[in-house]
Amino acid sequence: MRNIAVVVLGDVGRSPRMQYHTASLASLPDTSVSLIGYAGERCIDAVERSPSVRQFLLGSPFARLPRALFLLWAPLKVLHQVLQLLWTLLVVIPQPSAILVQNPPR
């Protein structure tokens, strides 16, 4: 069985294209999909109900900090995101045979 990691560098629920990719990949025979991204909106039913998809939702502890302090906490936020993503990819999920990544359009 092959495992494919789908990484969304944003709210998974607000990325319908990556959800459709995930559902499509999960429908392949002998394939499991690890969907990795930030918690927020719910995913489409095809992703939520698929037995071949496991969601790994990351937290964002810096989401509610004041914008005035952005220059102070931005480097910490980036470091936290990198470490959280590395931990998930290297330790938490099964070793992927492929990784599909989408970054936010900002």
N, C-alpha and C. Protein backbone atom coordinates (compact mmCIF):
# COMPACT_ATOMS: atom_id res chain seq x y z
N MET A 1 0.85 -1.18 0.00
CA MET A 1 0.00 0.00 0.00
C MET A 1 0.89 1.23 0.00
N ARG A 2 0.52 2.20 -0.81
CA ARG A 2 1.29 3.45 -0.83
C ARG A 2 0.53 4.54 -0.08
N ASN A 3 1.30 5.41 0.53
CA ASN A 3 0.74 6.54 1.26
C ASN A 3 1.15 7.82 0.55
N ILE A 4 0.19 8.68 0.33
CA ILE A 4 0.45 9.98 -0.29
C ILE A 4 0.11 11.05 0.72
N ALA A 5 1.02 11.98 0.92
CA ALA A 5 0.78 13.11 1.83
C ALA A 5 0.33 14.31 1.01
N VAL A 6 -0.78 14.88 1.40
CA VAL A 6 -1.28 16.11 0.79
C VAL A 6 -1.14 17.20 1.85
N VAL A 7 -0.31 18.20 1.56
CA VAL A 7 0.00 19.24 2.54
C VAL A 7 -0.61 20.56 2.07
N VAL A 8 -1.43 21.14 2.93
CA VAL A 8 -2.04 22.44 2.66
C VAL A 8 -1.48 23.41 3.69
N LEU A 9 -0.78 24.43 3.23
CA LEU A 9 -0.19 25.40 4.15
C LEU A 9 -1.19 26.51 4.44
N GLY A 10 -2.32 26.10 4.94
CA GLY A 10 -3.42 27.00 5.28
C GLY A 10 -4.56 26.15 5.81
N ASP A 11 -5.73 26.75 5.93
CA ASP A 11 -6.93 26.06 6.40
C ASP A 11 -7.35 25.02 5.37
N VAL A 12 -7.36 23.76 5.76
CA VAL A 12 -7.69 22.67 4.84
C VAL A 12 -9.10 22.84 4.28
N GLY A 13 -10.03 23.23 5.13
CA GLY A 13 -11.42 23.38 4.71
C GLY A 13 -11.65 24.50 3.70
N ARG A 14 -10.74 25.42 3.61
CA ARG A 14 -10.86 26.52 2.65
C ARG A 14 -10.05 26.28 1.38
N SER A 15 -9.69 25.04 1.16
CA SER A 15 -8.93 24.68 -0.03
C SER A 15 -9.65 23.55 -0.77
N PRO A 16 -10.73 23.89 -1.47
CA PRO A 16 -11.51 22.85 -2.14
C PRO A 16 -10.70 22.08 -3.19
N ARG A 17 -9.80 22.74 -3.88
CA ARG A 17 -9.01 22.05 -4.91
C ARG A 17 -8.18 20.93 -4.28
N MET A 18 -7.54 21.21 -3.15
CA MET A 18 -6.73 20.17 -2.51
C MET A 18 -7.61 19.08 -1.90
N GLN A 19 -8.80 19.43 -1.48
CA GLN A 19 -9.73 18.42 -0.99
C GLN A 19 -10.16 17.49 -2.12
N TYR A 20 -10.41 18.05 -3.31
CA TYR A 20 -10.78 17.22 -4.45
C TYR A 20 -9.61 16.34 -4.88
N HIS A 21 -8.39 16.88 -4.82
CA HIS A 21 -7.20 16.07 -5.12
C HIS A 21 -7.11 14.91 -4.12
N THR A 22 -7.34 15.22 -2.85
CA THR A 22 -7.27 14.20 -1.80
C THR A 22 -8.31 13.11 -2.04
N ALA A 23 -9.54 13.49 -2.34
CA ALA A 23 -10.61 12.51 -2.59
C ALA A 23 -10.27 11.66 -3.82
N SER A 24 -9.73 12.29 -4.85
CA SER A 24 -9.36 11.57 -6.06
C SER A 24 -8.24 10.56 -5.80
N LEU A 25 -7.21 11.01 -5.08
CA LEU A 25 -6.10 10.10 -4.75
C LEU A 25 -6.56 8.95 -3.86
N ALA A 26 -7.46 9.24 -2.94
CA ALA A 26 -7.95 8.21 -2.01
C ALA A 26 -8.77 7.14 -2.74
N SER A 27 -9.32 7.48 -3.90
CA SER A 27 -10.11 6.51 -4.64
C SER A 27 -9.25 5.52 -5.43
N LEU A 28 -7.93 5.77 -5.52
CA LEU A 28 -7.04 4.84 -6.20
C LEU A 28 -6.89 3.56 -5.38
N PRO A 29 -6.74 2.42 -6.04
CA PRO A 29 -6.58 1.18 -5.28
C PRO A 29 -5.26 1.15 -4.51
N ASP A 30 -5.29 0.54 -3.34
CA ASP A 30 -4.11 0.38 -2.48
C ASP A 30 -3.41 1.70 -2.17
N THR A 31 -4.20 2.74 -1.94
CA THR A 31 -3.64 4.06 -1.64
C THR A 31 -4.31 4.64 -0.41
N SER A 32 -3.50 5.15 0.49
CA SER A 32 -4.03 5.91 1.62
C SER A 32 -3.46 7.33 1.52
N VAL A 33 -4.23 8.27 2.00
CA VAL A 33 -3.84 9.68 1.89
C VAL A 33 -3.81 10.29 3.29
N SER A 34 -2.70 10.96 3.58
CA SER A 34 -2.57 11.73 4.81
C SER A 34 -2.76 13.20 4.45
N LEU A 35 -3.85 13.78 4.88
CA LEU A 35 -4.14 15.19 4.60
C LEU A 35 -3.66 16.03 5.78
N ILE A 36 -2.69 16.89 5.50
CA ILE A 36 -2.05 17.69 6.55
C ILE A 36 -2.32 19.16 6.29
N GLY A 37 -2.80 19.87 7.29
CA GLY A 37 -3.04 21.29 7.15
C GLY A 37 -3.58 21.86 8.45
N TYR A 38 -3.96 23.11 8.39
CA TYR A 38 -4.44 23.79 9.59
C TYR A 38 -5.93 23.60 9.77
N ALA A 39 -6.33 23.48 11.02
CA ALA A 39 -7.74 23.30 11.37
C ALA A 39 -8.50 24.58 11.06
N GLY A 40 -9.78 24.40 10.81
CA GLY A 40 -10.64 25.54 10.51
C GLY A 40 -11.98 25.02 10.02
N GLU A 41 -12.29 25.28 8.76
CA GLU A 41 -13.55 24.83 8.17
C GLU A 41 -13.54 23.31 7.99
N ARG A 42 -14.73 22.72 7.96
CA ARG A 42 -14.87 21.29 7.70
C ARG A 42 -14.54 20.99 6.24
N CYS A 43 -14.05 19.79 6.01
CA CYS A 43 -13.77 19.34 4.64
C CYS A 43 -15.05 18.84 3.98
N ILE A 44 -14.97 18.63 2.68
CA ILE A 44 -16.11 18.10 1.93
C ILE A 44 -16.40 16.67 2.40
N ASP A 45 -17.61 16.20 2.16
CA ASP A 45 -18.02 14.87 2.61
C ASP A 45 -17.15 13.76 2.04
N ALA A 46 -16.71 13.90 0.79
CA ALA A 46 -15.88 12.86 0.17
C ALA A 46 -14.58 12.66 0.95
N VAL A 47 -14.06 13.70 1.55
CA VAL A 47 -12.84 13.60 2.36
C VAL A 47 -13.18 13.14 3.76
N GLU A 48 -14.20 13.71 4.35
CA GLU A 48 -14.59 13.38 5.73
C GLU A 48 -14.97 11.91 5.88
N ARG A 49 -15.62 11.35 4.88
CA ARG A 49 -16.15 9.98 5.00
C ARG A 49 -15.25 8.90 4.41
N SER A 50 -14.20 9.28 3.72
CA SER A 50 -13.35 8.29 3.08
C SER A 50 -12.52 7.53 4.10
N PRO A 51 -12.57 6.20 4.06
CA PRO A 51 -11.74 5.41 4.98
C PRO A 51 -10.25 5.46 4.61
N SER A 52 -9.93 5.93 3.41
CA SER A 52 -8.54 5.99 2.95
C SER A 52 -7.86 7.30 3.29
N VAL A 53 -8.61 8.24 3.88
CA VAL A 53 -8.04 9.57 4.21
C VAL A 53 -7.95 9.72 5.72
N ARG A 54 -6.76 10.11 6.16
CA ARG A 54 -6.57 10.47 7.58
C ARG A 54 -6.16 11.93 7.61
N GLN A 55 -6.87 12.70 8.40
CA GLN A 55 -6.57 14.13 8.51
C GLN A 55 -5.65 14.36 9.71
N PHE A 56 -4.63 15.17 9.48
CA PHE A 56 -3.71 15.58 10.53
C PHE A 56 -3.76 17.10 10.57
N LEU A 57 -4.55 17.61 11.50
CA LEU A 57 -4.79 19.05 11.56
C LEU A 57 -3.81 19.70 12.54
N LEU A 58 -3.16 20.73 12.07
CA LEU A 58 -2.16 21.44 12.85
C LEU A 58 -2.80 22.63 13.55
N GLY A 59 -2.28 22.98 14.69
CA GLY A 59 -2.79 24.13 15.44
C GLY A 59 -1.99 25.37 15.10
N SER A 60 -2.57 26.50 15.38
CA SER A 60 -1.90 27.78 15.14
C SER A 60 -2.00 28.63 16.40
N PRO A 61 -1.04 28.50 17.31
CA PRO A 61 -1.12 29.22 18.58
C PRO A 61 -0.92 30.73 18.43
N PHE A 62 -0.47 31.18 17.29
CA PHE A 62 -0.20 32.61 17.10
C PHE A 62 -1.33 33.34 16.38
N ALA A 63 -2.45 32.67 16.19
CA ALA A 63 -3.56 33.25 15.42
C ALA A 63 -4.20 34.46 16.08
N ARG A 64 -4.19 34.53 17.40
CA ARG A 64 -4.93 35.60 18.08
C ARG A 64 -4.04 36.68 18.68
N LEU A 65 -2.80 36.74 18.27
CA LEU A 65 -1.91 37.78 18.79
C LEU A 65 -2.15 39.09 18.06
N PRO A 66 -1.91 40.22 18.73
CA PRO A 66 -2.18 41.51 18.09
C PRO A 66 -1.26 41.77 16.90
N ARG A 67 -1.83 42.38 15.89
CA ARG A 67 -1.07 42.71 14.67
C ARG A 67 0.06 43.69 14.95
N ALA A 68 -0.10 44.51 15.95
CA ALA A 68 0.94 45.51 16.27
C ALA A 68 2.26 44.86 16.65
N LEU A 69 2.19 43.63 17.14
CA LEU A 69 3.40 42.92 17.54
C LEU A 69 3.86 41.92 16.49
N PHE A 70 3.40 42.08 15.24
CA PHE A 70 3.69 41.13 14.18
C PHE A 70 5.19 40.88 14.00
N LEU A 71 5.98 41.92 13.99
CA LEU A 71 7.42 41.76 13.76
C LEU A 71 8.09 40.96 14.88
N LEU A 72 7.51 40.96 16.05
CA LEU A 72 8.08 40.20 17.15
C LEU A 72 7.72 38.72 17.09
N TRP A 73 6.45 38.42 16.78
CA TRP A 73 6.03 37.04 16.83
C TRP A 73 6.09 36.33 15.49
N ALA A 74 6.26 37.03 14.38
CA ALA A 74 6.30 36.39 13.05
C ALA A 74 7.42 35.34 12.93
N PRO A 75 8.66 35.65 13.36
CA PRO A 75 9.70 34.61 13.26
C PRO A 75 9.38 33.37 14.11
N LEU A 76 8.76 33.58 15.27
CA LEU A 76 8.37 32.44 16.11
C LEU A 76 7.28 31.61 15.45
N LYS A 77 6.37 32.31 14.77
CA LYS A 77 5.28 31.61 14.08
C LYS A 77 5.85 30.74 12.96
N VAL A 78 6.77 31.28 12.18
CA VAL A 78 7.38 30.53 11.09
C VAL A 78 8.14 29.32 11.64
N LEU A 79 8.91 29.51 12.66
CA LEU A 79 9.66 28.42 13.27
C LEU A 79 8.71 27.34 13.79
N HIS A 80 7.65 27.74 14.45
CA HIS A 80 6.65 26.80 14.96
C HIS A 80 6.03 26.00 13.81
N GLN A 81 5.68 26.68 12.72
CA GLN A 81 5.06 26.00 11.58
C GLN A 81 6.02 24.99 10.96
N VAL A 82 7.27 25.38 10.78
CA VAL A 82 8.26 24.49 10.19
C VAL A 82 8.45 23.25 11.06
N LEU A 83 8.62 23.45 12.35
CA LEU A 83 8.82 22.31 13.25
C LEU A 83 7.59 21.40 13.31
N GLN A 84 6.43 22.01 13.33
CA GLN A 84 5.19 21.23 13.39
C GLN A 84 5.02 20.39 12.11
N LEU A 85 5.30 20.99 10.96
CA LEU A 85 5.18 20.28 9.70
C LEU A 85 6.22 19.17 9.58
N LEU A 86 7.47 19.47 9.96
CA LEU A 86 8.51 18.43 9.93
C LEU A 86 8.16 17.26 10.85
N TRP A 87 7.71 17.55 12.05
CA TRP A 87 7.33 16.51 12.99
C TRP A 87 6.24 15.62 12.39
N THR A 88 5.24 16.24 11.79
CA THR A 88 4.14 15.48 11.21
C THR A 88 4.61 14.62 10.04
N LEU A 89 5.43 15.20 9.15
CA LEU A 89 5.89 14.46 7.98
C LEU A 89 6.91 13.36 8.32
N LEU A 90 7.76 13.61 9.29
CA LEU A 90 8.84 12.67 9.58
C LEU A 90 8.51 11.64 10.67
N VAL A 91 7.58 11.98 11.56
CA VAL A 91 7.32 11.09 12.70
C VAL A 91 5.88 10.58 12.75
N VAL A 92 4.92 11.45 12.55
CA VAL A 92 3.52 11.10 12.81
C VAL A 92 2.90 10.23 11.72
N ILE A 93 3.05 10.61 10.47
CA ILE A 93 2.39 9.87 9.38
C ILE A 93 3.30 8.75 8.87
N PRO A 94 2.71 7.74 8.21
CA PRO A 94 3.54 6.73 7.56
C PRO A 94 4.38 7.38 6.45
N GLN A 95 5.52 6.79 6.14
CA GLN A 95 6.41 7.37 5.14
C GLN A 95 5.67 7.49 3.80
N PRO A 96 5.57 8.73 3.28
CA PRO A 96 4.84 8.92 2.03
C PRO A 96 5.68 8.54 0.81
N SER A 97 5.01 8.02 -0.20
CA SER A 97 5.68 7.74 -1.47
C SER A 97 5.64 8.97 -2.37
N ALA A 98 4.75 9.91 -2.05
CA ALA A 98 4.66 11.18 -2.79
C ALA A 98 4.08 12.23 -1.86
N ILE A 99 4.45 13.47 -2.12
CA ILE A 99 3.93 14.61 -1.34
C ILE A 99 3.39 15.64 -2.31
N LEU A 100 2.14 16.03 -2.12
CA LEU A 100 1.51 17.08 -2.92
C LEU A 100 1.32 18.28 -2.01
N VAL A 101 1.87 19.43 -2.40
CA VAL A 101 1.87 20.62 -1.53
C VAL A 101 1.17 21.79 -2.22
N GLN A 102 0.36 22.50 -1.46
CA GLN A 102 -0.20 23.77 -1.92
C GLN A 102 0.09 24.81 -0.86
N ASN A 103 0.62 25.94 -1.29
CA ASN A 103 0.81 27.04 -0.34
C ASN A 103 -0.28 28.07 -0.54
N PRO A 104 -0.56 28.88 0.46
CA PRO A 104 -1.63 29.87 0.33
C PRO A 104 -1.25 30.95 -0.68
N PRO A 105 -2.25 31.55 -1.31
CA PRO A 105 -1.98 32.52 -2.38
C PRO A 105 -1.50 33.90 -1.90
N ARG A 106 -1.31 34.10 -0.64
CA ARG A 106 -0.95 35.43 -0.16
C ARG A 106 0.43 35.80 -0.51
